[in-house]
Amino acid sequence: MFAAPAPGAAADLPYQAAYRADPVFRAWADTNLHPHRDPGHAIVTISLKAHGRRLAT
C-alpha cells in the first residue's frame, strides 16, 4: 500500500516574491493553483490542449 510522505511546510519565499513581482505569474497562480491539505503545498491544474485551438464539434 502507498504511504504518504511525512508532511512538512515547504519554504514559499520564492513563490511569494514572484507572486508580488510578476502580474503574469500571479494570474497563472490564481487560475491554476488550489489549496492542498498540507500547509505550504498546492495542487497545480494544467491543460494539455494546444493553445488557441478549439475542439472539433
N, C-alpha and C. Protein backbone atom coordinates (compact mmCIF):
# COMPACT_ATOMS: atom_id res chain seq x y z
N MET A 1 0.84 -1.18 0.00
CA MET A 1 0.00 0.00 0.00
C MET A 1 0.89 1.25 0.00
N PHE A 2 0.41 2.27 -0.65
CA PHE A 2 1.15 3.54 -0.74
C PHE A 2 1.10 4.27 0.59
N ALA A 3 2.24 4.73 1.04
CA ALA A 3 2.33 5.54 2.26
C ALA A 3 2.64 6.97 1.86
N ALA A 4 1.83 7.89 2.31
CA ALA A 4 2.05 9.30 2.01
C ALA A 4 3.32 9.79 2.69
N PRO A 5 4.05 10.68 2.06
CA PRO A 5 5.26 11.22 2.69
C PRO A 5 4.89 12.04 3.93
N ALA A 6 5.84 12.16 4.81
CA ALA A 6 5.60 12.95 6.02
C ALA A 6 5.36 14.40 5.64
N PRO A 7 4.29 15.00 6.18
CA PRO A 7 4.00 16.38 5.83
C PRO A 7 5.04 17.33 6.42
N GLY A 8 5.27 18.39 5.73
CA GLY A 8 6.18 19.43 6.20
C GLY A 8 5.96 20.67 5.38
N ALA A 9 6.04 21.80 6.00
CA ALA A 9 5.82 23.05 5.28
C ALA A 9 7.01 23.35 4.38
N ALA A 10 6.73 23.63 3.14
CA ALA A 10 7.78 23.99 2.19
C ALA A 10 8.01 25.51 2.27
N ALA A 11 9.23 25.92 2.02
CA ALA A 11 9.54 27.35 2.02
C ALA A 11 8.85 28.00 0.82
N ASP A 12 8.09 29.04 1.06
CA ASP A 12 7.38 29.68 -0.04
C ASP A 12 7.86 31.09 -0.34
N LEU A 13 9.03 31.47 0.15
CA LEU A 13 9.54 32.81 -0.11
C LEU A 13 9.74 33.09 -1.59
N PRO A 14 10.33 32.17 -2.39
CA PRO A 14 10.46 32.44 -3.84
C PRO A 14 9.09 32.59 -4.51
N TYR A 15 8.13 31.77 -4.10
CA TYR A 15 6.78 31.88 -4.66
C TYR A 15 6.17 33.24 -4.33
N GLN A 16 6.24 33.63 -3.07
CA GLN A 16 5.65 34.91 -2.66
C GLN A 16 6.30 36.08 -3.40
N ALA A 17 7.62 36.04 -3.58
CA ALA A 17 8.32 37.11 -4.29
C ALA A 17 7.86 37.18 -5.74
N ALA A 18 7.76 36.04 -6.41
CA ALA A 18 7.31 36.01 -7.80
C ALA A 18 5.85 36.45 -7.90
N TYR A 19 5.03 36.04 -6.95
CA TYR A 19 3.61 36.40 -6.95
C TYR A 19 3.44 37.91 -6.85
N ARG A 20 4.23 38.54 -6.01
CA ARG A 20 4.13 40.00 -5.84
C ARG A 20 4.73 40.76 -7.03
N ALA A 21 5.79 40.24 -7.62
CA ALA A 21 6.54 40.98 -8.64
C ALA A 21 6.03 40.79 -10.07
N ASP A 22 5.41 39.66 -10.38
CA ASP A 22 5.09 39.33 -11.76
C ASP A 22 3.58 39.16 -11.95
N PRO A 23 2.91 40.11 -12.60
CA PRO A 23 1.46 40.00 -12.78
C PRO A 23 1.02 38.81 -13.63
N VAL A 24 1.86 38.39 -14.58
CA VAL A 24 1.51 37.22 -15.40
C VAL A 24 1.56 35.96 -14.54
N PHE A 25 2.60 35.81 -13.71
CA PHE A 25 2.69 34.67 -12.81
C PHE A 25 1.53 34.69 -11.82
N ARG A 26 1.19 35.86 -11.31
CA ARG A 26 0.09 35.98 -10.34
C ARG A 26 -1.22 35.51 -10.98
N ALA A 27 -1.49 35.91 -12.22
CA ALA A 27 -2.71 35.47 -12.91
C ALA A 27 -2.71 33.96 -13.11
N TRP A 28 -1.54 33.41 -13.49
CA TRP A 28 -1.45 31.96 -13.67
C TRP A 28 -1.71 31.24 -12.34
N ALA A 29 -1.08 31.72 -11.27
CA ALA A 29 -1.22 31.09 -9.96
C ALA A 29 -2.67 31.17 -9.48
N ASP A 30 -3.31 32.32 -9.66
CA ASP A 30 -4.70 32.47 -9.22
C ASP A 30 -5.63 31.52 -9.96
N THR A 31 -5.32 31.23 -11.21
CA THR A 31 -6.15 30.35 -12.03
C THR A 31 -5.84 28.87 -11.81
N ASN A 32 -4.57 28.51 -11.63
CA ASN A 32 -4.15 27.11 -11.69
C ASN A 32 -3.71 26.47 -10.38
N LEU A 33 -3.59 27.22 -9.32
CA LEU A 33 -3.19 26.64 -8.03
C LEU A 33 -4.39 26.55 -7.09
N HIS A 34 -4.47 25.43 -6.38
CA HIS A 34 -5.57 25.19 -5.46
C HIS A 34 -5.00 24.69 -4.13
N PRO A 35 -5.69 24.96 -3.03
CA PRO A 35 -5.18 24.57 -1.71
C PRO A 35 -4.96 23.06 -1.59
N HIS A 36 -3.96 22.69 -0.85
CA HIS A 36 -3.63 21.30 -0.55
C HIS A 36 -3.89 21.08 0.94
N ARG A 37 -4.09 19.85 1.34
CA ARG A 37 -4.36 19.57 2.75
C ARG A 37 -3.14 19.82 3.63
N ASP A 38 -1.95 19.75 3.05
CA ASP A 38 -0.73 20.01 3.80
C ASP A 38 -0.33 21.47 3.63
N PRO A 39 -0.14 22.19 4.73
CA PRO A 39 0.25 23.60 4.63
C PRO A 39 1.55 23.75 3.83
N GLY A 40 1.62 24.80 3.05
CA GLY A 40 2.83 25.07 2.27
C GLY A 40 2.88 24.33 0.95
N HIS A 41 1.85 23.57 0.62
CA HIS A 41 1.79 22.83 -0.64
C HIS A 41 0.55 23.28 -1.42
N ALA A 42 0.55 23.03 -2.72
CA ALA A 42 -0.59 23.38 -3.56
C ALA A 42 -0.81 22.29 -4.59
N ILE A 43 -2.01 22.27 -5.12
CA ILE A 43 -2.36 21.38 -6.23
C ILE A 43 -2.32 22.24 -7.49
N VAL A 44 -1.63 21.77 -8.52
CA VAL A 44 -1.50 22.51 -9.78
C VAL A 44 -2.38 21.85 -10.83
N THR A 45 -3.20 22.66 -11.51
CA THR A 45 -4.03 22.19 -12.60
C THR A 45 -3.41 22.69 -13.90
N ILE A 46 -3.18 21.76 -14.84
CA ILE A 46 -2.64 22.15 -16.15
C ILE A 46 -3.55 21.59 -17.24
N SER A 47 -3.54 22.24 -18.37
CA SER A 47 -4.28 21.78 -19.53
C SER A 47 -3.29 21.26 -20.57
N LEU A 48 -3.61 20.15 -21.18
CA LEU A 48 -2.74 19.57 -22.20
C LEU A 48 -3.26 19.85 -23.61
N LYS A 49 -4.25 20.72 -23.72
CA LYS A 49 -4.77 21.10 -25.03
C LYS A 49 -3.82 22.08 -25.70
N ALA A 50 -3.81 22.06 -27.02
CA ALA A 50 -3.00 23.03 -27.76
C ALA A 50 -3.55 24.43 -27.53
N HIS A 51 -2.68 25.37 -27.29
CA HIS A 51 -3.08 26.74 -27.00
C HIS A 51 -3.76 27.37 -28.22
N GLY A 52 -4.92 27.97 -28.00
CA GLY A 52 -5.61 28.69 -29.06
C GLY A 52 -6.41 27.82 -30.01
N ARG A 53 -6.45 26.55 -29.77
CA ARG A 53 -7.19 25.65 -30.66
C ARG A 53 -8.52 25.30 -30.04
N ARG A 54 -9.51 25.14 -30.89
CA ARG A 54 -10.84 24.73 -30.44
C ARG A 54 -11.03 23.26 -30.79
N LEU A 55 -11.79 22.59 -29.96
CA LEU A 55 -12.12 21.21 -30.25
C LEU A 55 -13.14 21.15 -31.39
N ALA A 56 -13.03 20.17 -32.26
CA ALA A 56 -13.98 19.99 -33.35
C ALA A 56 -15.34 19.60 -32.78
N THR A 57 -16.38 20.17 -33.34
CA THR A 57 -17.74 19.81 -32.87
C THR A 57 -18.51 19.11 -33.93
